[in-house]
Amino acid sequence: MLLADVENLLEELFQSGFDTVHDSTLEAMENMTNLTEQYGMAYLSELLGALTKGLAMRRHQLEKREDGMAGLYVKLNEYIYLCKEKTACDRGKNYYAPEG
């Protein structure tokens, strides 16, 4: 499931930290950005792209400063949570009140 894959990437990022992001994680995030865009999930793709770009830039900074990456990370997690809740509600609705 696409949302689970994004969630796994975010968990990997949480474990590695924003300052020590591995090249393979950034590559996976870029791939996921493109995939979510192909699936029509524009907002998710936009958030992932911004986070990926910001983390790549952050790796080359000598001086640490507030750059909004934590805020993007939180928005992504909230979005994934809300999508999963919406999916669960839709499943329940379809189970208890099937159309037709």
N, C-alpha and C. Protein backbone atom coordinates (compact mmCIF):
# COMPACT_ATOMS: atom_id res chain seq x y z
N MET A 1 0.84 -1.18 0.00
CA MET A 1 0.00 0.00 0.00
C MET A 1 0.89 1.24 0.00
N LEU A 2 0.53 2.19 -0.80
CA LEU A 2 1.33 3.39 -1.00
C LEU A 2 1.52 4.16 0.31
N LEU A 3 0.45 4.33 1.06
CA LEU A 3 0.56 5.08 2.32
C LEU A 3 1.48 4.39 3.30
N ALA A 4 1.46 3.07 3.32
CA ALA A 4 2.36 2.32 4.21
C ALA A 4 3.82 2.52 3.80
N ASP A 5 4.06 2.59 2.50
CA ASP A 5 5.42 2.83 2.02
C ASP A 5 5.92 4.21 2.42
N VAL A 6 5.06 5.21 2.32
CA VAL A 6 5.43 6.57 2.75
C VAL A 6 5.67 6.58 4.25
N GLU A 7 4.80 5.91 4.98
CA GLU A 7 4.94 5.84 6.43
C GLU A 7 6.27 5.18 6.82
N ASN A 8 6.66 4.13 6.13
CA ASN A 8 7.93 3.46 6.39
C ASN A 8 9.11 4.39 6.11
N LEU A 9 9.02 5.16 5.05
CA LEU A 9 10.08 6.13 4.75
C LEU A 9 10.20 7.17 5.86
N LEU A 10 9.07 7.64 6.34
CA LEU A 10 9.09 8.64 7.42
C LEU A 10 9.67 8.04 8.70
N GLU A 11 9.36 6.78 8.96
CA GLU A 11 9.92 6.12 10.14
C GLU A 11 11.44 5.97 10.01
N GLU A 12 11.89 5.60 8.81
CA GLU A 12 13.32 5.49 8.56
C GLU A 12 14.01 6.84 8.76
N LEU A 13 13.37 7.89 8.29
CA LEU A 13 13.90 9.23 8.46
C LEU A 13 13.94 9.61 9.94
N PHE A 14 12.92 9.26 10.68
CA PHE A 14 12.88 9.54 12.11
C PHE A 14 14.03 8.85 12.83
N GLN A 15 14.31 7.62 12.45
CA GLN A 15 15.37 6.86 13.10
C GLN A 15 16.76 7.38 12.75
N SER A 16 16.94 7.86 11.51
CA SER A 16 18.25 8.33 11.10
C SER A 16 18.51 9.77 11.55
N GLY A 17 17.45 10.54 11.65
CA GLY A 17 17.59 11.95 11.98
C GLY A 17 17.72 12.78 10.72
N PHE A 18 17.43 14.05 10.83
CA PHE A 18 17.44 14.93 9.67
C PHE A 18 18.84 15.29 9.20
N ASP A 19 19.82 15.17 10.06
CA ASP A 19 21.18 15.58 9.72
C ASP A 19 22.03 14.46 9.15
N THR A 20 21.56 13.23 9.24
CA THR A 20 22.35 12.09 8.76
C THR A 20 21.55 11.22 7.81
N VAL A 21 20.84 11.86 6.92
CA VAL A 21 19.99 11.13 5.97
C VAL A 21 20.89 10.43 4.94
N HIS A 22 20.67 9.15 4.78
CA HIS A 22 21.46 8.36 3.84
C HIS A 22 21.03 8.64 2.41
N ASP A 23 21.95 8.49 1.48
CA ASP A 23 21.65 8.71 0.06
C ASP A 23 20.50 7.84 -0.41
N SER A 24 20.47 6.59 0.04
CA SER A 24 19.40 5.68 -0.39
C SER A 24 18.03 6.14 0.11
N THR A 25 17.99 6.75 1.29
CA THR A 25 16.73 7.27 1.81
C THR A 25 16.25 8.45 0.98
N LEU A 26 17.17 9.35 0.64
CA LEU A 26 16.79 10.49 -0.21
C LEU A 26 16.33 10.01 -1.58
N GLU A 27 16.99 9.01 -2.12
CA GLU A 27 16.59 8.47 -3.42
C GLU A 27 15.20 7.84 -3.34
N ALA A 28 14.95 7.11 -2.26
CA ALA A 28 13.63 6.49 -2.07
C ALA A 28 12.55 7.56 -1.92
N MET A 29 12.89 8.66 -1.24
CA MET A 29 11.93 9.75 -1.07
C MET A 29 11.63 10.43 -2.40
N GLU A 30 12.65 10.60 -3.24
CA GLU A 30 12.44 11.17 -4.57
C GLU A 30 11.54 10.26 -5.41
N ASN A 31 11.80 8.96 -5.35
CA ASN A 31 10.97 8.00 -6.08
C ASN A 31 9.53 8.03 -5.59
N MET A 32 9.35 8.12 -4.28
CA MET A 32 8.01 8.16 -3.71
C MET A 32 7.30 9.47 -4.08
N THR A 33 8.06 10.55 -4.17
CA THR A 33 7.48 11.83 -4.61
C THR A 33 6.91 11.68 -6.01
N ASN A 34 7.68 11.07 -6.90
CA ASN A 34 7.22 10.88 -8.28
C ASN A 34 6.04 9.91 -8.34
N LEU A 35 6.08 8.86 -7.55
CA LEU A 35 5.01 7.87 -7.57
C LEU A 35 3.70 8.45 -7.05
N THR A 36 3.77 9.21 -5.96
CA THR A 36 2.54 9.81 -5.43
C THR A 36 1.96 10.83 -6.40
N GLU A 37 2.83 11.51 -7.13
CA GLU A 37 2.35 12.46 -8.14
C GLU A 37 1.64 11.70 -9.27
N GLN A 38 2.19 10.57 -9.68
CA GLN A 38 1.57 9.76 -10.72
C GLN A 38 0.20 9.24 -10.29
N TYR A 39 0.04 8.96 -9.00
CA TYR A 39 -1.23 8.48 -8.48
C TYR A 39 -2.23 9.61 -8.22
N GLY A 40 -1.83 10.83 -8.52
CA GLY A 40 -2.74 11.96 -8.35
C GLY A 40 -2.81 12.50 -6.94
N MET A 41 -1.87 12.16 -6.12
CA MET A 41 -1.83 12.64 -4.74
C MET A 41 -0.91 13.87 -4.69
N ALA A 42 -1.39 14.97 -5.26
CA ALA A 42 -0.57 16.16 -5.46
C ALA A 42 -0.05 16.75 -4.15
N TYR A 43 -0.92 16.84 -3.15
CA TYR A 43 -0.50 17.45 -1.88
C TYR A 43 0.58 16.60 -1.21
N LEU A 44 0.39 15.30 -1.19
CA LEU A 44 1.38 14.39 -0.60
C LEU A 44 2.69 14.49 -1.37
N SER A 45 2.61 14.52 -2.68
CA SER A 45 3.80 14.63 -3.51
C SER A 45 4.53 15.95 -3.24
N GLU A 46 3.77 17.01 -3.10
CA GLU A 46 4.36 18.33 -2.82
C GLU A 46 5.10 18.33 -1.48
N LEU A 47 4.46 17.77 -0.46
CA LEU A 47 5.10 17.71 0.85
C LEU A 47 6.36 16.86 0.83
N LEU A 48 6.28 15.70 0.19
CA LEU A 48 7.44 14.81 0.10
C LEU A 48 8.58 15.48 -0.67
N GLY A 49 8.24 16.14 -1.76
CA GLY A 49 9.26 16.82 -2.56
C GLY A 49 9.94 17.92 -1.78
N ALA A 50 9.17 18.71 -1.06
CA ALA A 50 9.75 19.79 -0.26
C ALA A 50 10.65 19.25 0.84
N LEU A 51 10.21 18.19 1.50
CA LEU A 51 11.03 17.59 2.56
C LEU A 51 12.31 17.00 1.99
N THR A 52 12.20 16.31 0.87
CA THR A 52 13.37 15.71 0.24
C THR A 52 14.39 16.77 -0.16
N LYS A 53 13.91 17.81 -0.80
CA LYS A 53 14.79 18.89 -1.23
C LYS A 53 15.44 19.58 -0.03
N GLY A 54 14.65 19.85 0.99
CA GLY A 54 15.18 20.51 2.18
C GLY A 54 16.22 19.68 2.90
N LEU A 55 15.98 18.38 3.00
CA LEU A 55 16.94 17.51 3.68
C LEU A 55 18.23 17.37 2.89
N ALA A 56 18.12 17.33 1.57
CA ALA A 56 19.32 17.26 0.72
C ALA A 56 20.15 18.53 0.88
N MET A 57 19.50 19.67 0.95
CA MET A 57 20.22 20.93 1.15
C MET A 57 20.82 21.01 2.54
N ARG A 58 20.13 20.48 3.51
CA ARG A 58 20.57 20.55 4.90
C ARG A 58 21.88 19.80 5.11
N ARG A 59 22.09 18.75 4.35
CA ARG A 59 23.31 17.95 4.51
C ARG A 59 24.57 18.74 4.19
N HIS A 60 24.43 19.81 3.42
CA HIS A 60 25.60 20.57 2.99
C HIS A 60 25.78 21.88 3.76
N GLN A 61 25.02 22.05 4.82
CA GLN A 61 25.13 23.26 5.61
C GLN A 61 26.09 23.03 6.78
N LEU A 62 26.95 23.98 7.00
CA LEU A 62 27.87 23.89 8.15
C LEU A 62 27.19 24.37 9.42
N GLU A 63 26.35 25.36 9.27
CA GLU A 63 25.68 25.97 10.40
C GLU A 63 24.22 25.54 10.41
N LYS A 64 23.76 25.02 11.52
CA LYS A 64 22.37 24.57 11.62
C LYS A 64 21.47 25.75 11.97
N ARG A 65 20.34 25.82 11.25
CA ARG A 65 19.36 26.87 11.52
C ARG A 65 17.97 26.31 11.26
N GLU A 66 16.98 27.03 11.76
CA GLU A 66 15.59 26.61 11.57
C GLU A 66 15.24 26.71 10.09
N ASP A 67 14.79 25.58 9.52
CA ASP A 67 14.48 25.57 8.10
C ASP A 67 13.12 24.97 7.79
N GLY A 68 12.33 24.65 8.81
CA GLY A 68 10.98 24.17 8.60
C GLY A 68 10.84 22.69 8.28
N MET A 69 11.93 21.94 8.34
CA MET A 69 11.86 20.51 8.01
C MET A 69 11.02 19.73 9.03
N ALA A 70 11.11 20.10 10.28
CA ALA A 70 10.31 19.42 11.31
C ALA A 70 8.82 19.65 11.06
N GLY A 71 8.47 20.87 10.66
CA GLY A 71 7.08 21.18 10.35
C GLY A 71 6.55 20.37 9.17
N LEU A 72 7.37 20.24 8.14
CA LEU A 72 6.98 19.42 6.99
C LEU A 72 6.82 17.96 7.39
N TYR A 73 7.72 17.49 8.23
CA TYR A 73 7.66 16.11 8.70
C TYR A 73 6.35 15.86 9.46
N VAL A 74 5.98 16.81 10.31
CA VAL A 74 4.73 16.69 11.08
C VAL A 74 3.52 16.72 10.14
N LYS A 75 3.53 17.60 9.16
CA LYS A 75 2.42 17.66 8.19
C LYS A 75 2.27 16.34 7.44
N LEU A 76 3.39 15.76 7.05
CA LEU A 76 3.35 14.47 6.36
C LEU A 76 2.75 13.39 7.24
N ASN A 77 3.17 13.35 8.48
CA ASN A 77 2.63 12.35 9.40
C ASN A 77 1.14 12.55 9.64
N GLU A 78 0.72 13.79 9.79
CA GLU A 78 -0.70 14.08 9.96
C GLU A 78 -1.49 13.67 8.72
N TYR A 79 -0.96 13.96 7.56
CA TYR A 79 -1.63 13.62 6.31
C TYR A 79 -1.81 12.11 6.19
N ILE A 80 -0.76 11.36 6.48
CA ILE A 80 -0.82 9.89 6.42
C ILE A 80 -1.86 9.38 7.41
N TYR A 81 -1.86 9.92 8.62
CA TYR A 81 -2.82 9.51 9.64
C TYR A 81 -4.26 9.77 9.17
N LEU A 82 -4.50 10.96 8.63
CA LEU A 82 -5.85 11.30 8.17
C LEU A 82 -6.28 10.44 6.99
N CYS A 83 -5.35 10.14 6.09
CA CYS A 83 -5.68 9.26 4.97
C CYS A 83 -6.06 7.86 5.45
N LYS A 84 -5.33 7.35 6.43
CA LYS A 84 -5.64 6.02 6.96
C LYS A 84 -6.98 6.01 7.67
N GLU A 85 -7.29 7.09 8.40
CA GLU A 85 -8.58 7.19 9.07
C GLU A 85 -9.72 7.27 8.05
N LYS A 86 -9.52 8.05 6.99
CA LYS A 86 -10.53 8.17 5.95
C LYS A 86 -10.77 6.83 5.27
N THR A 87 -9.70 6.10 5.01
CA THR A 87 -9.82 4.78 4.41
C THR A 87 -10.60 3.84 5.31
N ALA A 88 -10.32 3.88 6.61
CA ALA A 88 -11.04 3.02 7.56
C ALA A 88 -12.53 3.39 7.60
N CYS A 89 -12.82 4.68 7.59
CA CYS A 89 -14.23 5.12 7.59
C CYS A 89 -14.94 4.68 6.32
N ASP A 90 -14.27 4.80 5.19
CA ASP A 90 -14.87 4.38 3.92
C ASP A 90 -15.12 2.88 3.90
N ARG A 91 -14.20 2.12 4.45
CA ARG A 91 -14.40 0.67 4.51
C ARG A 91 -15.61 0.32 5.37
N GLY A 92 -15.73 1.00 6.51
CA GLY A 92 -16.86 0.76 7.39
C GLY A 92 -18.17 1.15 6.74
N LYS A 93 -18.17 2.28 6.06
CA LYS A 93 -19.37 2.74 5.37
C LYS A 93 -19.78 1.73 4.30
N ASN A 94 -18.81 1.25 3.54
CA ASN A 94 -19.10 0.30 2.48
C ASN A 94 -19.56 -1.05 3.03
N TYR A 95 -19.09 -1.39 4.22
CA TYR A 95 -19.49 -2.67 4.83
C TYR A 95 -20.91 -2.59 5.36
N TYR A 96 -21.20 -1.50 6.11
CA TYR A 96 -22.51 -1.40 6.76
C TYR A 96 -23.60 -0.82 5.87
N ALA A 97 -23.22 -0.07 4.86
CA ALA A 97 -24.22 0.52 3.98
C ALA A 97 -23.77 0.36 2.53
N PRO A 98 -23.76 -0.87 2.07
CA PRO A 98 -23.31 -1.08 0.68
C PRO A 98 -24.25 -0.39 -0.29
N GLU A 99 -23.64 0.12 -1.35
CA GLU A 99 -24.44 0.82 -2.36
C GLU A 99 -25.22 -0.19 -3.19
N GLY A 100 -26.37 0.22 -3.65
CA GLY A 100 -27.13 -0.64 -4.54
C GLY A 100 -28.32 -1.18 -3.95
